[in-house]
């Protein structure tokens, strides 16, 4: 069985390969795992389910947690995708524009420019929010 050499903060150890980023974080710190949305592997942002690639080098893993600026951006970016999927499902024919996370100020959120086949109003928000919350969008 091959092993992956992982650096996590000031700790370093080998774990069995194959493994995902989630598997590696679980070995080092389960409490951090509970707050993790994504991670950086050797500086590259990846999903927690990303497979760690076998290499002779040490893989440096840095969790991206909900209480960080990077975590907030991941959360907003992902939520924007949920919003887009919900709009496309609820209003067939909707055309998507841009939908960035707004990071200039932590109080901001995200938005999506859309052209819908009907005018959307505040009255539509509960249905859209429910669809986003279903996770099936």
N, C-alpha and C. Protein backbone atom coordinates (compact mmCIF):
# COMPACT_ATOMS: atom_id res chain seq x y z
N UNK A 1 0.85 -1.18 0.00
CA UNK A 1 0.00 0.00 0.00
C UNK A 1 0.90 1.24 0.00
N UNK A 2 0.59 2.18 -0.88
CA UNK A 2 1.38 3.41 -0.93
C UNK A 2 0.84 4.41 0.10
N UNK A 3 1.67 5.39 0.39
CA UNK A 3 1.29 6.38 1.38
C UNK A 3 1.48 7.78 0.83
N UNK A 4 0.73 8.71 1.40
CA UNK A 4 0.84 10.13 1.07
C UNK A 4 1.48 10.84 2.25
N UNK A 5 2.44 11.69 1.96
CA UNK A 5 3.07 12.49 3.01
C UNK A 5 2.33 13.82 3.10
N UNK A 6 1.72 14.07 4.25
CA UNK A 6 0.85 15.22 4.43
C UNK A 6 1.41 16.15 5.50
N UNK A 7 1.40 17.45 5.20
CA UNK A 7 1.71 18.49 6.18
C UNK A 7 0.41 19.23 6.46
N UNK A 8 0.09 19.36 7.73
CA UNK A 8 -1.15 20.00 8.17
C UNK A 8 -0.78 20.91 9.33
N UNK A 9 -0.71 22.21 9.06
CA UNK A 9 -0.23 23.14 10.09
C UNK A 9 1.20 22.81 10.43
N UNK A 10 1.48 22.60 11.70
CA UNK A 10 2.85 22.26 12.10
C UNK A 10 3.05 20.75 12.26
N UNK A 11 2.04 19.97 11.88
CA UNK A 11 2.12 18.51 11.96
C UNK A 11 2.44 17.92 10.59
N UNK A 12 3.11 16.79 10.60
CA UNK A 12 3.37 16.08 9.35
C UNK A 12 3.32 14.58 9.63
N UNK A 13 2.64 13.85 8.74
CA UNK A 13 2.59 12.39 8.87
C UNK A 13 2.19 11.77 7.54
N UNK A 14 2.30 10.47 7.47
CA UNK A 14 1.92 9.72 6.28
C UNK A 14 0.55 9.09 6.51
N UNK A 15 -0.26 9.09 5.45
CA UNK A 15 -1.56 8.43 5.51
C UNK A 15 -1.67 7.49 4.32
N UNK A 16 -2.50 6.45 4.43
CA UNK A 16 -2.65 5.50 3.33
C UNK A 16 -3.25 6.17 2.09
N UNK A 17 -2.76 5.75 0.94
CA UNK A 17 -3.30 6.21 -0.34
C UNK A 17 -4.09 5.05 -0.94
N UNK A 18 -5.20 5.29 -1.62
CA UNK A 18 -5.77 6.59 -1.98
C UNK A 18 -6.49 7.24 -0.80
N UNK A 19 -6.59 8.56 -0.88
CA UNK A 19 -7.29 9.33 0.14
C UNK A 19 -7.77 10.64 -0.46
N UNK A 20 -8.83 11.17 0.11
CA UNK A 20 -9.34 12.48 -0.29
C UNK A 20 -8.82 13.53 0.69
N UNK A 21 -9.03 14.78 0.36
CA UNK A 21 -8.68 15.87 1.26
C UNK A 21 -9.44 15.70 2.58
N UNK A 22 -10.70 15.35 2.49
CA UNK A 22 -11.53 15.12 3.67
C UNK A 22 -10.92 14.04 4.56
N UNK A 23 -10.47 12.93 3.95
CA UNK A 23 -9.83 11.85 4.71
C UNK A 23 -8.61 12.37 5.47
N UNK A 24 -7.80 13.18 4.81
CA UNK A 24 -6.57 13.69 5.42
C UNK A 24 -6.88 14.62 6.59
N UNK A 25 -7.81 15.54 6.40
CA UNK A 25 -8.16 16.47 7.49
C UNK A 25 -8.70 15.69 8.68
N UNK A 26 -9.49 14.65 8.41
CA UNK A 26 -10.05 13.82 9.47
C UNK A 26 -8.95 13.20 10.34
N UNK A 27 -7.85 12.81 9.72
CA UNK A 27 -6.73 12.22 10.46
C UNK A 27 -6.10 13.23 11.41
N UNK A 28 -6.02 14.49 10.98
CA UNK A 28 -5.32 15.51 11.76
C UNK A 28 -6.20 16.23 12.78
N UNK A 29 -7.41 16.61 12.39
CA UNK A 29 -8.21 17.45 13.29
C UNK A 29 -9.69 17.39 12.93
N UNK A 30 -10.43 16.56 13.63
CA UNK A 30 -11.86 16.39 13.35
C UNK A 30 -12.66 17.66 13.64
N UNK A 31 -12.22 18.46 14.60
CA UNK A 31 -12.93 19.71 14.91
C UNK A 31 -12.82 20.69 13.75
N UNK A 32 -11.64 20.79 13.16
CA UNK A 32 -11.45 21.67 11.99
C UNK A 32 -12.28 21.14 10.82
N UNK A 33 -12.35 19.83 10.69
CA UNK A 33 -13.13 19.24 9.60
C UNK A 33 -14.59 19.69 9.65
N UNK A 34 -15.15 19.81 10.85
CA UNK A 34 -16.55 20.22 11.00
C UNK A 34 -16.80 21.62 10.45
N UNK A 35 -15.77 22.47 10.43
CA UNK A 35 -15.91 23.85 9.95
C UNK A 35 -15.40 24.03 8.52
N UNK A 36 -14.86 22.97 7.92
CA UNK A 36 -14.20 23.09 6.61
C UNK A 36 -15.21 23.04 5.47
N UNK A 37 -15.04 23.97 4.53
CA UNK A 37 -15.86 24.02 3.32
C UNK A 37 -15.09 23.52 2.11
N UNK A 38 -13.79 23.73 2.13
CA UNK A 38 -12.89 23.36 1.04
C UNK A 38 -11.49 23.35 1.66
N UNK A 39 -10.48 23.28 0.81
CA UNK A 39 -9.10 23.31 1.33
C UNK A 39 -8.17 23.79 0.24
N UNK A 40 -6.97 24.12 0.65
CA UNK A 40 -5.89 24.41 -0.29
C UNK A 40 -4.89 23.27 -0.17
N UNK A 41 -4.57 22.67 -1.30
CA UNK A 41 -3.54 21.64 -1.35
C UNK A 41 -2.38 22.23 -2.13
N UNK A 42 -1.27 22.40 -1.44
CA UNK A 42 -0.10 23.08 -2.03
C UNK A 42 -0.51 24.41 -2.67
N UNK A 43 -1.41 25.13 -1.99
CA UNK A 43 -1.82 26.46 -2.42
C UNK A 43 -2.97 26.51 -3.41
N UNK A 44 -3.42 25.36 -3.92
CA UNK A 44 -4.51 25.33 -4.90
C UNK A 44 -5.82 24.97 -4.21
N UNK A 45 -6.86 25.81 -4.41
CA UNK A 45 -8.16 25.54 -3.80
C UNK A 45 -8.79 24.30 -4.42
N UNK A 46 -9.28 23.40 -3.55
CA UNK A 46 -9.91 22.17 -4.02
C UNK A 46 -11.12 21.86 -3.14
N UNK A 47 -11.98 21.02 -3.67
CA UNK A 47 -13.13 20.50 -2.96
C UNK A 47 -12.65 19.49 -1.90
N UNK A 48 -13.41 19.32 -0.84
CA UNK A 48 -13.02 18.36 0.19
C UNK A 48 -13.00 16.93 -0.33
N UNK A 49 -13.75 16.65 -1.38
CA UNK A 49 -13.77 15.31 -1.95
C UNK A 49 -12.69 15.08 -3.01
N UNK A 50 -11.83 16.07 -3.20
CA UNK A 50 -10.75 15.93 -4.19
C UNK A 50 -9.80 14.81 -3.77
N UNK A 51 -9.46 13.98 -4.73
CA UNK A 51 -8.52 12.88 -4.50
C UNK A 51 -7.11 13.46 -4.39
N UNK A 52 -6.38 13.05 -3.38
CA UNK A 52 -4.99 13.49 -3.23
C UNK A 52 -4.12 12.65 -4.17
N UNK A 53 -3.29 13.33 -4.93
CA UNK A 53 -2.48 12.66 -5.95
C UNK A 53 -1.15 12.22 -5.33
N UNK A 54 -0.81 10.97 -5.57
CA UNK A 54 0.45 10.40 -5.08
C UNK A 54 1.63 11.16 -5.68
N UNK A 55 2.56 11.56 -4.82
CA UNK A 55 3.74 12.29 -5.26
C UNK A 55 4.87 12.03 -4.27
N UNK A 56 6.08 12.28 -4.68
CA UNK A 56 7.22 12.14 -3.77
C UNK A 56 7.31 13.34 -2.83
N UNK A 57 6.62 14.41 -3.18
CA UNK A 57 6.63 15.64 -2.39
C UNK A 57 5.65 15.55 -1.22
N UNK A 58 5.85 16.40 -0.24
CA UNK A 58 4.90 16.52 0.87
C UNK A 58 3.73 17.37 0.39
N UNK A 59 2.52 16.91 0.65
CA UNK A 59 1.32 17.66 0.29
C UNK A 59 0.91 18.52 1.48
N UNK A 60 0.89 19.81 1.28
CA UNK A 60 0.51 20.74 2.34
C UNK A 60 -0.99 21.01 2.23
N UNK A 61 -1.72 20.70 3.30
CA UNK A 61 -3.17 20.90 3.30
C UNK A 61 -3.53 22.00 4.30
N UNK A 62 -4.26 22.99 3.78
CA UNK A 62 -4.73 24.10 4.60
C UNK A 62 -6.25 24.17 4.46
N UNK A 63 -7.00 23.81 5.50
CA UNK A 63 -8.46 23.86 5.41
C UNK A 63 -8.96 25.29 5.20
N UNK A 64 -10.03 25.41 4.44
CA UNK A 64 -10.73 26.68 4.29
C UNK A 64 -12.00 26.54 5.12
N UNK A 65 -12.05 27.28 6.22
CA UNK A 65 -13.15 27.13 7.17
C UNK A 65 -14.14 28.28 7.07
N UNK A 66 -15.32 28.04 7.61
CA UNK A 66 -16.42 29.01 7.51
C UNK A 66 -16.10 30.34 8.19
N UNK A 67 -15.14 30.35 9.10
CA UNK A 67 -14.84 31.57 9.84
C UNK A 67 -13.69 32.38 9.25
N UNK A 68 -13.39 32.14 7.97
CA UNK A 68 -12.32 32.89 7.29
C UNK A 68 -12.88 33.62 6.08
N UNK A 69 -12.13 34.58 5.59
CA UNK A 69 -12.53 35.31 4.38
C UNK A 69 -12.65 34.35 3.19
N UNK A 70 -11.67 33.44 3.03
CA UNK A 70 -11.74 32.46 1.94
C UNK A 70 -12.98 31.58 2.09
N UNK A 71 -13.30 31.20 3.33
CA UNK A 71 -14.48 30.38 3.57
C UNK A 71 -15.76 31.11 3.22
N UNK A 72 -15.82 32.38 3.57
CA UNK A 72 -16.99 33.19 3.24
C UNK A 72 -17.16 33.29 1.72
N UNK A 73 -16.05 33.44 1.01
CA UNK A 73 -16.12 33.52 -0.44
C UNK A 73 -16.60 32.19 -1.05
N UNK A 74 -16.09 31.07 -0.54
CA UNK A 74 -16.54 29.75 -1.01
C UNK A 74 -18.04 29.59 -0.76
N UNK A 75 -18.48 29.96 0.44
CA UNK A 75 -19.89 29.85 0.79
C UNK A 75 -20.77 30.70 -0.13
N UNK A 76 -20.37 31.93 -0.35
CA UNK A 76 -21.15 32.82 -1.22
C UNK A 76 -21.14 32.34 -2.66
N UNK A 77 -19.99 31.90 -3.13
CA UNK A 77 -19.88 31.41 -4.51
C UNK A 77 -20.78 30.19 -4.71
N UNK A 78 -20.72 29.25 -3.77
CA UNK A 78 -21.54 28.04 -3.86
C UNK A 78 -23.02 28.37 -3.79
N UNK A 79 -23.38 29.31 -2.91
CA UNK A 79 -24.78 29.72 -2.78
C UNK A 79 -25.28 30.39 -4.05
N UNK A 80 -24.42 31.14 -4.71
CA UNK A 80 -24.79 31.76 -5.99
C UNK A 80 -25.11 30.68 -7.02
N UNK A 81 -24.35 29.59 -7.01
CA UNK A 81 -24.64 28.48 -7.93
C UNK A 81 -25.98 27.82 -7.61
N UNK A 82 -26.28 27.67 -6.32
CA UNK A 82 -27.58 27.13 -5.92
C UNK A 82 -28.71 28.03 -6.41
N UNK A 83 -28.52 29.34 -6.26
CA UNK A 83 -29.52 30.29 -6.72
C UNK A 83 -29.73 30.16 -8.23
N UNK A 84 -28.64 30.08 -8.98
CA UNK A 84 -28.75 29.96 -10.43
C UNK A 84 -29.49 28.68 -10.81
N UNK A 85 -29.15 27.57 -10.17
CA UNK A 85 -29.82 26.30 -10.47
C UNK A 85 -31.30 26.37 -10.13
N UNK A 86 -31.63 27.01 -9.01
CA UNK A 86 -33.04 27.14 -8.62
C UNK A 86 -33.81 27.97 -9.63
N UNK A 87 -33.23 29.09 -10.06
CA UNK A 87 -33.90 29.95 -11.04
C UNK A 87 -34.11 29.22 -12.36
N UNK A 88 -33.11 28.48 -12.81
CA UNK A 88 -33.24 27.74 -14.07
C UNK A 88 -34.32 26.67 -13.97
N UNK A 89 -34.43 26.04 -12.81
CA UNK A 89 -35.42 24.99 -12.61
C UNK A 89 -36.84 25.57 -12.48
N UNK A 90 -36.97 26.64 -11.71
CA UNK A 90 -38.29 27.23 -11.47
C UNK A 90 -38.82 28.03 -12.65
N UNK A 91 -37.92 28.64 -13.39
CA UNK A 91 -38.33 29.52 -14.48
C UNK A 91 -37.60 29.12 -15.76
N UNK A 92 -38.06 28.04 -16.42
CA UNK A 92 -37.40 27.58 -17.65
C UNK A 92 -37.30 28.72 -18.66
N UNK A 93 -36.18 28.78 -19.32
CA UNK A 93 -35.94 29.84 -20.29
C UNK A 93 -35.16 31.01 -19.70
N UNK A 94 -34.91 30.96 -18.39
CA UNK A 94 -34.12 32.01 -17.75
C UNK A 94 -32.71 32.01 -18.31
N UNK A 95 -32.19 33.19 -18.57
CA UNK A 95 -30.81 33.33 -19.04
C UNK A 95 -29.99 33.95 -17.91
N UNK A 96 -28.83 33.33 -17.66
CA UNK A 96 -27.96 33.78 -16.57
C UNK A 96 -26.92 34.75 -17.07
N UNK A 97 -26.66 35.77 -16.27
CA UNK A 97 -25.56 36.70 -16.53
C UNK A 97 -24.43 36.35 -15.59
N UNK A 98 -23.93 37.33 -14.88
CA UNK A 98 -22.86 37.09 -13.91
C UNK A 98 -23.47 36.91 -12.53
N UNK A 99 -22.74 36.22 -11.66
CA UNK A 99 -23.23 35.97 -10.31
C UNK A 99 -22.11 35.84 -9.32
N UNK A 100 -21.38 36.91 -9.08
CA UNK A 100 -20.21 36.79 -8.20
C UNK A 100 -20.53 36.93 -6.71
N UNK A 101 -19.59 36.42 -5.93
CA UNK A 101 -19.60 36.71 -4.50
C UNK A 101 -19.01 38.11 -4.33
N UNK A 102 -19.64 38.91 -3.51
CA UNK A 102 -19.15 40.28 -3.26
C UNK A 102 -18.29 40.26 -2.01
N UNK A 103 -17.00 40.52 -2.19
CA UNK A 103 -16.08 40.37 -1.07
C UNK A 103 -15.44 41.69 -0.61
N UNK A 104 -15.83 42.81 -1.22
CA UNK A 104 -15.25 44.09 -0.83
C UNK A 104 -15.54 44.41 0.64
N UNK A 105 -16.68 43.96 1.11
CA UNK A 105 -17.10 44.21 2.48
C UNK A 105 -17.80 42.95 2.97
N UNK A 106 -17.43 42.42 4.13
CA UNK A 106 -18.04 41.18 4.63
C UNK A 106 -19.55 41.26 4.80
N UNK A 107 -20.10 42.47 4.86
CA UNK A 107 -21.55 42.61 5.00
C UNK A 107 -22.28 42.34 3.70
N UNK A 108 -21.55 42.38 2.58
CA UNK A 108 -22.17 42.12 1.29
C UNK A 108 -22.41 40.62 1.15
N UNK A 109 -23.10 40.24 0.12
CA UNK A 109 -23.39 38.83 -0.11
C UNK A 109 -22.98 38.40 -1.50
N UNK A 110 -23.96 38.16 -2.34
CA UNK A 110 -23.73 37.76 -3.72
C UNK A 110 -24.97 38.15 -4.51
N UNK A 111 -24.87 38.05 -5.81
CA UNK A 111 -26.05 38.31 -6.64
C UNK A 111 -25.91 37.52 -7.93
N UNK A 112 -27.00 37.47 -8.67
CA UNK A 112 -26.99 36.88 -10.01
C UNK A 112 -27.82 37.77 -10.91
N UNK A 113 -27.22 38.23 -12.00
CA UNK A 113 -27.98 38.94 -13.03
C UNK A 113 -28.69 37.90 -13.87
N UNK A 114 -30.01 38.07 -14.05
CA UNK A 114 -30.77 37.11 -14.86
C UNK A 114 -31.75 37.84 -15.76
N UNK A 115 -32.06 37.19 -16.83
CA UNK A 115 -33.18 37.61 -17.67
C UNK A 115 -34.16 36.45 -17.61
N UNK A 116 -35.28 36.67 -16.94
CA UNK A 116 -36.27 35.62 -16.76
C UNK A 116 -37.42 35.84 -17.73
N UNK A 117 -38.14 34.77 -18.08
CA UNK A 117 -39.27 34.90 -18.99
C UNK A 117 -40.45 35.65 -18.37
N UNK A 118 -40.38 35.92 -17.08
CA UNK A 118 -41.41 36.71 -16.41
C UNK A 118 -40.71 37.64 -15.43
N UNK A 119 -41.40 38.68 -15.03
CA UNK A 119 -40.83 39.60 -14.05
C UNK A 119 -40.83 38.92 -12.68
N UNK A 120 -39.66 38.94 -12.03
CA UNK A 120 -39.55 38.38 -10.69
C UNK A 120 -39.71 39.51 -9.68
N UNK A 121 -40.47 39.23 -8.63
CA UNK A 121 -40.71 40.24 -7.59
C UNK A 121 -40.37 39.65 -6.22
N UNK A 122 -40.49 40.47 -5.21
CA UNK A 122 -40.25 39.99 -3.84
C UNK A 122 -41.17 38.84 -3.48
N UNK A 123 -42.34 38.80 -4.08
CA UNK A 123 -43.29 37.72 -3.80
C UNK A 123 -42.75 36.36 -4.25
N UNK A 124 -41.80 36.36 -5.20
CA UNK A 124 -41.21 35.11 -5.68
C UNK A 124 -40.12 34.58 -4.75
N UNK A 125 -39.59 35.42 -3.88
CA UNK A 125 -38.45 35.04 -3.06
C UNK A 125 -38.68 33.80 -2.18
N UNK A 126 -39.82 33.65 -1.50
CA UNK A 126 -40.00 32.45 -0.68
C UNK A 126 -39.90 31.14 -1.47
N UNK A 127 -40.43 31.13 -2.68
CA UNK A 127 -40.36 29.94 -3.53
C UNK A 127 -38.92 29.67 -3.95
N UNK A 128 -38.22 30.73 -4.33
CA UNK A 128 -36.81 30.60 -4.74
C UNK A 128 -35.96 30.14 -3.56
N UNK A 129 -36.17 30.74 -2.39
CA UNK A 129 -35.41 30.36 -1.20
C UNK A 129 -35.66 28.90 -0.83
N UNK A 130 -36.90 28.46 -0.93
CA UNK A 130 -37.22 27.06 -0.62
C UNK A 130 -36.50 26.14 -1.58
N UNK A 131 -36.51 26.48 -2.85
CA UNK A 131 -35.85 25.65 -3.86
C UNK A 131 -34.35 25.58 -3.58
N UNK A 132 -33.74 26.70 -3.22
CA UNK A 132 -32.31 26.71 -2.88
C UNK A 132 -32.06 25.84 -1.65
N UNK A 133 -32.93 25.93 -0.66
CA UNK A 133 -32.76 25.18 0.57
C UNK A 133 -32.97 23.69 0.42
N UNK A 134 -33.71 23.29 -0.61
CA UNK A 134 -33.93 21.87 -0.86
C UNK A 134 -32.64 21.16 -1.24
N UNK A 135 -31.68 21.92 -1.78
CA UNK A 135 -30.44 21.31 -2.24
C UNK A 135 -30.63 20.49 -3.50
N UNK A 136 -31.82 20.56 -4.09
CA UNK A 136 -32.10 19.79 -5.30
C UNK A 136 -32.10 20.69 -6.53
N UNK A 137 -31.74 21.93 -6.31
CA UNK A 137 -31.73 22.89 -7.42
C UNK A 137 -30.63 22.56 -8.39
